[in-house]
């Protein structure tokens, strides 16, 4: 298993970490209608839930980029490096979301998106 595949696993788990932060320690969780319950959260818990949604949105583009780069036989060291940077950016993104640092969070999001794009571009050349 390559480092990039391990990174895909980590990125795939980050949404679960985010929702765990949103739900941790709260009582009254409604498993019959969890999305409505989550929509009533405020503060860092609401931001953790929003980070969860964004993490699910970012994952497929990144994962497909990794697989495309591997399929096109981009040097594995390059793929691994890009994947590790993406993981670091996504972890930073979650922390910045929780801390309510919106502008910095957006810059980190752009950098992460750029990493995903660079995986595809690497597969083209």
Protein backbone atom coordinates (compact mmCIF):
# COMPACT_ATOMS: atom_id res chain seq x y z
CA UNK A 1 0.00 0.00 0.00
CA UNK A 2 1.38 3.40 -0.94
CA UNK A 3 1.55 6.47 1.28
CA UNK A 4 -0.98 8.14 -1.02
CA UNK A 5 -3.49 5.34 -0.44
CA UNK A 6 -3.00 5.69 3.32
CA UNK A 7 -3.61 9.42 2.88
CA UNK A 8 -6.85 8.63 1.05
CA UNK A 9 -7.92 6.57 4.06
CA UNK A 10 -7.07 9.41 6.44
CA UNK A 11 -8.98 11.94 4.32
CA UNK A 12 -11.92 9.52 4.19
CA UNK A 13 -12.00 9.36 8.00
CA UNK A 14 -11.77 13.14 8.57
CA UNK A 15 -15.53 13.69 8.05
CA UNK A 16 -16.23 11.18 10.82
CA UNK A 17 -13.78 13.00 13.09
CA UNK A 18 -15.55 16.27 12.31
CA UNK A 19 -18.97 14.94 13.13
CA UNK A 20 -17.61 13.34 16.29
CA UNK A 21 -16.42 16.77 17.41
CA UNK A 22 -19.85 18.22 16.62
CA UNK A 23 -21.68 15.55 18.63
CA UNK A 24 -19.24 14.80 21.47
CA UNK A 25 -20.64 15.23 24.94
CA UNK A 26 -24.10 16.39 23.92
CA UNK A 27 -27.27 14.78 25.13
CA UNK A 28 -30.52 14.61 23.27
CA UNK A 29 -29.13 13.27 20.01
CA UNK A 30 -32.05 12.32 17.76
CA UNK A 31 -31.13 9.28 15.69
CA UNK A 32 -34.55 9.43 14.02
CA UNK A 33 -33.73 12.82 12.49
CA UNK A 34 -30.01 13.50 13.01
CA UNK A 35 -29.67 16.20 10.38
CA UNK A 36 -32.34 18.36 11.97
CA UNK A 37 -30.67 17.88 15.35
CA UNK A 38 -27.30 18.87 13.88
CA UNK A 39 -28.83 21.95 12.23
CA UNK A 40 -29.71 23.31 15.69
CA UNK A 41 -26.11 23.25 16.92
CA UNK A 42 -24.21 26.50 17.33
CA UNK A 43 -20.65 27.70 17.76
CA UNK A 44 -17.77 25.35 17.13
CA UNK A 45 -20.13 22.38 16.96
CA UNK A 46 -21.98 23.90 13.99
CA UNK A 47 -18.65 24.68 12.35
CA UNK A 48 -17.50 21.08 12.93
CA UNK A 49 -20.65 19.87 11.20
CA UNK A 50 -20.02 22.25 8.29
CA UNK A 51 -16.43 21.01 8.11
CA UNK A 52 -17.79 17.47 7.89
CA UNK A 53 -19.88 18.39 4.85
CA UNK A 54 -16.91 20.07 3.19
CA UNK A 55 -14.68 17.09 3.92
CA UNK A 56 -17.12 14.76 2.16
CA UNK A 57 -17.16 17.16 -0.80
CA UNK A 58 -13.36 17.38 -1.03
CA UNK A 59 -12.67 13.65 -0.70
CA UNK A 60 -13.82 12.30 -4.10
CA UNK A 61 -11.95 14.92 -6.14
CA UNK A 62 -8.75 14.24 -4.19
CA UNK A 63 -9.12 10.44 -4.27
CA UNK A 64 -9.81 10.36 -8.00
CA UNK A 65 -6.78 12.59 -8.54
CA UNK A 66 -4.57 10.17 -6.62
CA UNK A 67 -5.92 7.21 -8.57
CA UNK A 68 -5.56 9.02 -11.91
CA UNK A 69 -1.96 9.92 -11.12
CA UNK A 70 -1.20 6.34 -10.12
CA UNK A 71 -2.95 4.98 -13.21
CA UNK A 72 -0.85 7.24 -15.43
CA UNK A 73 2.30 6.13 -13.61
CA UNK A 74 3.27 9.49 -12.19
CA UNK A 75 6.32 8.92 -9.97
CA UNK A 76 4.96 7.56 -6.71
CA UNK A 77 7.15 9.86 -4.61
CA UNK A 78 5.42 12.88 -6.22
CA UNK A 79 1.96 11.43 -5.63
CA UNK A 80 2.84 10.59 -2.02
CA UNK A 81 4.19 14.09 -1.36
CA UNK A 82 1.11 15.77 -2.82
CA UNK A 83 -1.17 13.45 -0.84
CA UNK A 84 0.66 14.16 2.43
CA UNK A 85 0.42 17.90 1.83
CA UNK A 86 -3.30 17.50 1.12
CA UNK A 87 -3.80 15.64 4.42
CA UNK A 88 -1.92 18.35 6.31
CA UNK A 89 -4.03 21.03 4.65
CA UNK A 90 -7.29 19.22 5.43
CA UNK A 91 -6.32 18.79 9.09
CA UNK A 92 -5.40 22.49 9.21
CA UNK A 93 -8.70 23.31 7.49
CA UNK A 94 -10.64 21.50 10.21
CA UNK A 95 -8.71 23.29 12.96
CA UNK A 96 -9.23 26.67 11.31
CA UNK A 97 -12.94 25.95 10.85
CA UNK A 98 -13.29 25.07 14.53
CA UNK A 99 -11.37 28.21 15.52
CA UNK A 100 -13.60 30.35 13.26
CA UNK A 101 -10.70 31.74 11.23
CA UNK A 102 -12.66 32.08 8.01
CA UNK A 103 -10.19 33.89 5.75
CA UNK A 104 -7.25 31.66 6.61
CA UNK A 105 -9.52 28.62 6.32
CA UNK A 106 -10.51 29.70 2.80
CA UNK A 107 -6.86 30.11 1.81
CA UNK A 108 -6.10 26.62 3.10
CA UNK A 109 -9.10 25.29 1.16
CA UNK A 110 -7.77 26.88 -2.03
CA UNK A 111 -4.35 25.34 -1.42
CA UNK A 112 -5.95 21.91 -0.92
CA UNK A 113 -7.95 22.28 -4.09
CA UNK A 114 -4.75 23.24 -5.88
CA UNK A 115 -3.08 20.07 -4.63
CA UNK A 116 -5.95 17.99 -6.02
CA UNK A 117 -5.71 19.77 -9.36
CA UNK A 118 -1.96 19.20 -9.43
CA UNK A 119 -2.55 15.46 -9.11
CA UNK A 120 -4.63 15.57 -12.29
CA UNK A 121 -2.12 17.81 -14.06
CA UNK A 122 0.67 15.41 -13.09
CA UNK A 123 -1.29 12.65 -14.79
CA UNK A 124 -1.45 14.70 -18.00
CA UNK A 125 2.32 15.07 -18.40
